[in-house]
N, C-alpha and C. Protein backbone atom coordinates (compact mmCIF):
# COMPACT_ATOMS: atom_id res chain seq x y z
N MET A 1 138.27 174.02 10.22
CA MET A 1 139.25 174.95 10.77
C MET A 1 139.07 175.10 12.28
N LYS A 2 137.81 175.20 12.72
CA LYS A 2 137.53 175.37 14.13
C LYS A 2 138.04 174.15 14.93
N LYS A 3 137.85 172.95 14.38
CA LYS A 3 138.31 171.74 15.05
C LYS A 3 139.83 171.73 15.16
N ALA A 4 140.52 172.21 14.15
CA ALA A 4 141.98 172.25 14.16
C ALA A 4 142.49 173.20 15.24
N ILE A 5 141.82 174.32 15.40
CA ILE A 5 142.20 175.30 16.43
C ILE A 5 141.97 174.70 17.81
N ILE A 6 140.82 174.06 18.00
CA ILE A 6 140.52 173.44 19.29
C ILE A 6 141.52 172.34 19.60
N LEU A 7 141.85 171.53 18.61
CA LEU A 7 142.84 170.47 18.80
C LEU A 7 144.20 171.06 19.14
N SER A 8 144.59 172.10 18.43
CA SER A 8 145.89 172.75 18.69
C SER A 8 145.94 173.32 20.10
N LEU A 9 144.88 173.99 20.51
CA LEU A 9 144.84 174.55 21.86
C LEU A 9 144.85 173.45 22.92
N SER A 10 144.14 172.37 22.65
CA SER A 10 144.12 171.24 23.59
C SER A 10 145.51 170.65 23.75
N LEU A 11 146.20 170.45 22.63
CA LEU A 11 147.55 169.91 22.68
C LEU A 11 148.50 170.86 23.40
N LEU A 12 148.36 172.15 23.12
CA LEU A 12 149.19 173.15 23.79
C LEU A 12 148.96 173.12 25.29
N LEU A 13 147.69 173.06 25.69
CA LEU A 13 147.39 173.01 27.12
C LEU A 13 147.93 171.74 27.76
N PHE A 14 147.80 170.63 27.06
CA PHE A 14 148.24 169.36 27.63
C PHE A 14 149.76 169.25 27.70
N PHE A 15 150.42 169.61 26.61
CA PHE A 15 151.88 169.45 26.56
C PHE A 15 152.63 170.73 26.89
N GLY A 16 152.10 171.87 26.52
CA GLY A 16 152.84 173.13 26.65
C GLY A 16 152.84 173.73 28.03
N CYS A 17 151.89 173.37 28.86
CA CYS A 17 151.80 173.98 30.17
C CYS A 17 152.54 173.21 31.24
N LYS A 18 153.15 172.13 30.89
CA LYS A 18 153.94 171.40 31.88
C LYS A 18 155.25 172.15 32.11
N THR A 19 155.77 172.01 33.30
CA THR A 19 157.02 172.68 33.65
C THR A 19 158.12 172.25 32.70
N ASN A 20 158.85 173.20 32.22
CA ASN A 20 159.93 172.90 31.28
C ASN A 20 161.23 172.69 32.04
N THR A 21 161.28 171.56 32.73
CA THR A 21 162.50 171.21 33.43
C THR A 21 162.96 169.86 32.94
N LYS A 22 164.25 169.64 32.99
CA LYS A 22 164.74 168.34 32.55
C LYS A 22 164.36 167.28 33.57
N GLN A 23 164.28 166.04 33.09
CA GLN A 23 163.94 164.93 33.98
C GLN A 23 164.91 164.89 35.15
N PHE A 24 164.37 164.81 36.34
CA PHE A 24 165.21 164.82 37.53
C PHE A 24 165.61 163.40 37.87
N ASN A 25 166.88 163.14 37.88
CA ASN A 25 167.43 161.81 38.09
C ASN A 25 167.69 161.59 39.58
N LYS A 26 166.88 160.71 40.20
CA LYS A 26 167.08 160.38 41.61
C LYS A 26 168.14 159.30 41.71
N SER A 27 169.18 159.59 42.44
CA SER A 27 170.28 158.66 42.58
C SER A 27 171.09 159.06 43.79
N PRO A 28 172.02 158.23 44.20
CA PRO A 28 172.92 158.64 45.30
C PRO A 28 173.65 159.95 44.97
N GLU A 29 173.96 160.15 43.70
CA GLU A 29 174.65 161.38 43.31
C GLU A 29 173.74 162.60 43.50
N THR A 30 172.45 162.41 43.29
CA THR A 30 171.49 163.49 43.49
C THR A 30 171.48 163.91 44.96
N ALA A 31 171.38 162.93 45.85
CA ALA A 31 171.39 163.23 47.28
C ALA A 31 172.72 163.86 47.69
N GLU A 32 173.81 163.39 47.11
CA GLU A 32 175.13 163.95 47.43
C GLU A 32 175.21 165.42 47.00
N LYS A 33 174.67 165.73 45.83
CA LYS A 33 174.63 167.12 45.35
C LYS A 33 173.80 167.97 46.32
N GLY A 34 172.68 167.41 46.78
CA GLY A 34 171.84 168.10 47.76
C GLY A 34 172.57 168.33 49.07
N LYS A 35 173.35 167.35 49.49
CA LYS A 35 174.13 167.47 50.72
C LYS A 35 175.15 168.61 50.60
N GLN A 36 175.81 168.68 49.45
CA GLN A 36 176.77 169.75 49.21
C GLN A 36 176.08 171.12 49.26
N LEU A 37 174.91 171.22 48.62
CA LEU A 37 174.16 172.48 48.64
C LEU A 37 173.73 172.82 50.07
N PHE A 38 173.28 171.82 50.81
CA PHE A 38 172.84 172.01 52.19
C PHE A 38 173.94 172.66 53.02
N THR A 39 175.16 172.22 52.80
CA THR A 39 176.32 172.78 53.50
C THR A 39 176.71 174.14 52.92
N ASN A 40 176.85 174.21 51.60
CA ASN A 40 177.33 175.44 50.95
C ASN A 40 176.37 176.61 51.10
N LEU A 41 175.07 176.34 51.13
CA LEU A 41 174.09 177.42 51.26
C LEU A 41 173.89 177.85 52.71
N GLY A 42 174.48 177.10 53.63
CA GLY A 42 174.38 177.46 55.04
C GLY A 42 173.16 176.88 55.75
N CYS A 43 172.42 175.99 55.10
CA CYS A 43 171.24 175.38 55.73
C CYS A 43 171.63 174.66 57.02
N ILE A 44 172.82 174.10 57.01
CA ILE A 44 173.33 173.32 58.14
C ILE A 44 173.48 174.16 59.40
N ALA A 45 173.56 175.47 59.28
CA ALA A 45 173.70 176.34 60.44
C ALA A 45 172.42 176.38 61.29
N CYS A 46 171.28 176.17 60.64
CA CYS A 46 170.00 176.26 61.35
C CYS A 46 169.24 174.94 61.43
N HIS A 47 169.54 174.01 60.53
CA HIS A 47 168.79 172.75 60.47
C HIS A 47 169.71 171.56 60.73
N SER A 48 169.39 170.82 61.77
CA SER A 48 170.13 169.60 62.09
C SER A 48 169.58 168.45 61.25
N ILE A 49 170.43 167.50 60.96
CA ILE A 49 169.97 166.26 60.33
C ILE A 49 170.18 165.08 61.28
N THR A 50 170.49 165.40 62.53
CA THR A 50 170.73 164.36 63.53
C THR A 50 169.80 164.48 64.74
N GLY A 51 168.86 165.41 64.69
CA GLY A 51 167.92 165.57 65.80
C GLY A 51 168.28 166.66 66.78
N GLU A 52 169.45 167.28 66.62
CA GLU A 52 169.85 168.37 67.52
C GLU A 52 168.89 169.54 67.38
N LYS A 53 168.64 170.21 68.48
CA LYS A 53 167.78 171.39 68.45
C LYS A 53 168.61 172.60 68.03
N LEU A 54 168.28 173.16 66.89
CA LEU A 54 168.93 174.38 66.39
C LEU A 54 167.85 175.42 66.15
N TYR A 55 168.16 176.47 65.47
CA TYR A 55 167.20 177.56 65.21
C TYR A 55 165.99 177.07 64.42
N GLY A 56 166.23 176.29 63.38
CA GLY A 56 165.15 175.74 62.57
C GLY A 56 164.87 174.30 62.97
N PRO A 57 163.83 173.72 62.38
CA PRO A 57 163.51 172.33 62.74
C PRO A 57 164.56 171.35 62.26
N SER A 58 164.73 170.28 63.03
CA SER A 58 165.60 169.19 62.61
C SER A 58 164.93 168.50 61.43
N LEU A 59 165.72 168.07 60.47
CA LEU A 59 165.15 167.52 59.24
C LEU A 59 165.18 166.00 59.18
N ASN A 60 165.77 165.36 60.17
CA ASN A 60 165.68 163.90 60.19
C ASN A 60 164.34 163.51 60.84
N ASN A 61 163.81 162.40 60.46
CA ASN A 61 162.52 161.92 60.97
C ASN A 61 161.39 162.93 60.79
N ILE A 62 161.46 163.73 59.74
CA ILE A 62 160.41 164.72 59.48
C ILE A 62 159.44 164.24 58.40
N LEU A 63 159.91 163.38 57.51
CA LEU A 63 159.10 162.92 56.40
C LEU A 63 157.89 162.14 56.90
N ASN A 64 156.73 162.45 56.36
CA ASN A 64 155.44 161.83 56.70
C ASN A 64 154.97 162.15 58.11
N LYS A 65 155.61 163.09 58.75
CA LYS A 65 155.23 163.53 60.09
C LYS A 65 154.12 164.57 59.97
N LYS A 66 153.16 164.52 60.87
CA LYS A 66 152.10 165.53 60.91
C LYS A 66 152.62 166.72 61.71
N VAL A 67 152.49 167.91 61.13
CA VAL A 67 152.92 169.13 61.82
C VAL A 67 151.84 170.19 61.68
N GLU A 68 151.77 171.03 62.68
CA GLU A 68 150.85 172.16 62.64
C GLU A 68 151.58 173.35 62.02
N VAL A 69 150.97 173.92 60.99
CA VAL A 69 151.57 175.07 60.32
C VAL A 69 150.59 176.23 60.31
N VAL A 70 151.13 177.40 60.07
CA VAL A 70 150.33 178.60 59.93
C VAL A 70 150.41 179.02 58.47
N ARG A 71 149.24 179.12 57.83
CA ARG A 71 149.16 179.61 56.45
C ARG A 71 148.10 180.71 56.42
N ASN A 72 148.52 181.90 56.03
CA ASN A 72 147.61 183.05 55.98
C ASN A 72 146.87 183.26 57.30
N GLY A 73 147.59 183.08 58.42
CA GLY A 73 147.00 183.29 59.73
C GLY A 73 146.14 182.14 60.24
N GLU A 74 145.98 181.09 59.46
CA GLU A 74 145.15 179.95 59.84
C GLU A 74 146.02 178.75 60.22
N LEU A 75 145.66 178.08 61.31
CA LEU A 75 146.38 176.87 61.73
C LEU A 75 145.88 175.68 60.93
N LEU A 76 146.81 174.90 60.39
CA LEU A 76 146.47 173.71 59.62
C LEU A 76 147.34 172.56 60.07
N LEU A 77 146.83 171.35 59.99
CA LEU A 77 147.62 170.16 60.26
C LEU A 77 147.94 169.53 58.91
N ILE A 78 149.22 169.44 58.60
CA ILE A 78 149.64 168.89 57.30
C ILE A 78 150.62 167.74 57.54
N THR A 79 150.81 166.95 56.50
CA THR A 79 151.79 165.88 56.53
C THR A 79 153.00 166.32 55.72
N VAL A 80 154.17 166.23 56.31
CA VAL A 80 155.39 166.64 55.60
C VAL A 80 155.67 165.61 54.51
N ASP A 81 155.66 166.09 53.28
CA ASP A 81 155.96 165.24 52.13
C ASP A 81 156.86 166.02 51.18
N LYS A 82 157.14 165.42 50.06
CA LYS A 82 158.04 166.05 49.08
C LYS A 82 157.52 167.42 48.64
N GLU A 83 156.23 167.51 48.41
CA GLU A 83 155.63 168.78 47.98
C GLU A 83 155.80 169.85 49.05
N TYR A 84 155.55 169.50 50.30
CA TYR A 84 155.70 170.46 51.39
C TYR A 84 157.16 170.91 51.52
N LEU A 85 158.09 169.96 51.45
CA LEU A 85 159.51 170.32 51.55
C LEU A 85 159.91 171.28 50.43
N THR A 86 159.46 170.98 49.22
CA THR A 86 159.77 171.83 48.07
C THR A 86 159.22 173.24 48.28
N LYS A 87 157.96 173.33 48.67
CA LYS A 87 157.32 174.63 48.87
C LYS A 87 157.99 175.41 50.02
N SER A 88 158.40 174.67 51.05
CA SER A 88 159.04 175.33 52.20
C SER A 88 160.38 175.96 51.84
N ILE A 89 161.07 175.34 50.89
CA ILE A 89 162.34 175.92 50.45
C ILE A 89 162.08 177.07 49.48
N GLN A 90 161.13 176.89 48.58
CA GLN A 90 160.80 177.94 47.60
C GLN A 90 160.28 179.20 48.28
N ASP A 91 159.37 179.02 49.25
CA ASP A 91 158.73 180.15 49.92
C ASP A 91 158.60 179.84 51.41
N PRO A 92 159.64 180.10 52.18
CA PRO A 92 159.66 179.72 53.59
C PRO A 92 158.54 180.34 54.43
N GLU A 93 157.95 181.43 53.99
CA GLU A 93 156.90 182.08 54.77
C GLU A 93 155.50 181.57 54.43
N TYR A 94 155.36 180.73 53.40
CA TYR A 94 154.04 180.27 52.96
C TYR A 94 153.34 179.45 54.04
N GLU A 95 153.98 178.42 54.55
CA GLU A 95 153.45 177.60 55.64
C GLU A 95 154.56 177.43 56.66
N LYS A 96 154.39 178.08 57.80
CA LYS A 96 155.42 178.03 58.84
C LYS A 96 154.98 177.06 59.92
N VAL A 97 155.91 176.24 60.40
CA VAL A 97 155.61 175.37 61.54
C VAL A 97 155.20 176.29 62.68
N SER A 98 154.04 176.02 63.27
CA SER A 98 153.46 176.95 64.24
C SER A 98 154.38 177.21 65.43
N SER A 99 155.12 176.20 65.87
CA SER A 99 156.01 176.40 67.01
C SER A 99 157.23 177.25 66.65
N LEU A 100 157.45 177.47 65.35
CA LEU A 100 158.59 178.27 64.90
C LEU A 100 158.16 179.51 64.13
N LYS A 101 156.91 179.94 64.33
CA LYS A 101 156.39 181.03 63.50
C LYS A 101 157.14 182.35 63.66
N SER A 102 157.83 182.53 64.78
CA SER A 102 158.60 183.77 64.95
C SER A 102 159.99 183.66 64.35
N HIS A 103 160.39 182.46 63.93
CA HIS A 103 161.70 182.27 63.31
C HIS A 103 161.63 182.61 61.83
N LYS A 104 162.65 183.22 61.32
CA LYS A 104 162.71 183.60 59.91
C LYS A 104 163.74 182.76 59.18
N MET A 105 163.32 182.21 58.05
CA MET A 105 164.25 181.50 57.18
C MET A 105 164.45 182.37 55.94
N PRO A 106 165.68 182.58 55.54
CA PRO A 106 165.89 183.37 54.33
C PRO A 106 165.35 182.64 53.11
N LYS A 107 164.83 183.38 52.17
CA LYS A 107 164.34 182.79 50.93
C LYS A 107 165.54 182.61 50.01
N PRO A 108 165.90 181.36 49.74
CA PRO A 108 167.11 181.14 48.93
C PRO A 108 166.90 181.53 47.47
N GLU A 109 167.91 182.07 46.89
CA GLU A 109 167.89 182.42 45.46
C GLU A 109 168.58 181.29 44.71
N ILE A 110 167.86 180.18 44.56
CA ILE A 110 168.42 179.01 43.89
C ILE A 110 167.43 178.48 42.86
N SER A 111 167.95 177.69 41.97
CA SER A 111 167.13 177.15 40.88
C SER A 111 166.19 176.05 41.38
N ALA A 112 165.18 175.77 40.58
CA ALA A 112 164.26 174.67 40.88
C ALA A 112 165.02 173.35 40.94
N GLU A 113 166.03 173.21 40.10
CA GLU A 113 166.83 171.99 40.10
C GLU A 113 167.58 171.84 41.42
N ASP A 114 168.15 172.92 41.92
CA ASP A 114 168.86 172.86 43.20
C ASP A 114 167.90 172.59 44.36
N ILE A 115 166.69 173.14 44.28
CA ILE A 115 165.68 172.83 45.29
C ILE A 115 165.37 171.34 45.27
N ASN A 116 165.27 170.75 44.08
CA ASN A 116 165.04 169.31 43.97
C ASN A 116 166.19 168.52 44.61
N TYR A 117 167.42 168.97 44.38
CA TYR A 117 168.56 168.31 45.01
C TYR A 117 168.45 168.36 46.53
N LEU A 118 168.12 169.52 47.07
CA LEU A 118 167.98 169.65 48.52
C LEU A 118 166.88 168.74 49.06
N VAL A 119 165.74 168.72 48.38
CA VAL A 119 164.63 167.88 48.82
C VAL A 119 165.02 166.40 48.78
N GLU A 120 165.69 165.99 47.73
CA GLU A 120 166.11 164.59 47.65
C GLU A 120 167.12 164.26 48.75
N TYR A 121 167.95 165.20 49.11
CA TYR A 121 168.88 164.98 50.22
C TYR A 121 168.11 164.80 51.53
N ILE A 122 167.15 165.67 51.78
CA ILE A 122 166.34 165.56 53.01
C ILE A 122 165.61 164.22 53.04
N ILE A 123 165.06 163.81 51.91
CA ILE A 123 164.38 162.52 51.82
C ILE A 123 165.36 161.39 52.10
N SER A 124 166.57 161.50 51.56
CA SER A 124 167.56 160.43 51.77
C SER A 124 167.97 160.36 53.23
N VAL A 125 168.09 161.49 53.89
CA VAL A 125 168.42 161.51 55.32
C VAL A 125 167.31 160.80 56.11
N ASN A 126 166.09 161.04 55.74
CA ASN A 126 164.96 160.42 56.43
C ASN A 126 164.88 158.92 56.14
N SER A 127 165.21 158.50 54.97
CA SER A 127 165.10 157.08 54.65
C SER A 127 166.25 156.26 55.23
N THR A 128 167.37 156.89 55.52
CA THR A 128 168.50 156.15 56.09
C THR A 128 168.51 156.18 57.61
N ARG A 129 167.68 157.01 58.21
CA ARG A 129 167.69 157.14 59.67
C ARG A 129 166.43 156.57 60.32
N ASN A 130 165.55 155.96 59.57
CA ASN A 130 164.32 155.41 60.14
C ASN A 130 164.55 154.05 60.76
């Protein structure tokens, strides 16, 4: 009986604790959906995708770039990747680019799926402009 409980708990931990989201399909349509969200949510008002200087950082040529951020008052050098982009949209105050620490980005009230669409759009912008 004890082995059955341990096996059940192990399986639950292995399979049950994974995020319950549907498989995210990366495709041109995914990036297009992200582009629509980028415009509809107003991201385009502060973030350029062409290198223009706006209120927030330009998002082209940002992928794999080293940037200095502030996290809990500490300066860190990080590499912009998919995880960083996702976290920055989910919680804009978690790690702020140090040169923009006085700028405020609103915390969007959007689903994890929509965040994935936005991230894939940003990635697509970076891959087509390199």
